[in-house]
Amino acid sequence: EADKNRLLAMNLSTGEKAYITEHFDYNTDAFIWNADNKSLFLIACVEAKTHIFSADLQTKEVKPVTQGVHDYTSVALGDGKLIATRQSMSQPTEIYSVDIASGNATELSFENKDILEQIKMGAVEERWIPTTDGKKMLTWVVYPPD
C-alpha cells in the first residue's frame, strides 16, 4: 500500500536496510528500541484498538504485547518495563507501566481519579456486522454512564 507506514532498520556501517514489518498488515507508529538491541517496540492500530507490539529484527516477527479495548498512544522503555500512555472510550489518558512478558498494565498516574470515582461509566461493546458485500464492519455500542 502506498500510504502504509512501514518500519525499516538500517545498518549504518554497511548501509543494509531490513524491512521489519514487511509481513505485518498494519501501520506502525511510535517505535522504541528494546534494551537488547535485537527488537523494537511499536504501536499499531488493529481492528480499531491501538496496542503495543514487539518486532524481532532477525525473524521480522511482530507479536502483540498488550490487548484489550483501549488505545496506547505513546511508549518508552524504562527499567525493564514499558512506560506508556493509554486511553479508552471509558477513561481519559493516564500513564501505565506495562510488563513486557505478560502485557499486564499497572496505572501510574491517577489524574482523573476524583472525577471517575463519581461516575459509573457505561459498558462498551465491540460488534461486527455483516455488510452487503459480504465483509465484516466493526461498530461500537457505547452505553451511557449511570
Foldseek 3Di string as FASTA:
>chain_A
DVPAAWDWDADPVVRDIDGLQPVPPWHWAAKDADPVNQKIWTWTADQNEIFIWITGRPVSDIGTQADDQKHWDYWDDDDQWIWTWIGHPFGDIFIWTAHRPRRDTDTDDCVCVVVSVVKAFFDKDWDWDQDPVGDTDIDIDGDGID
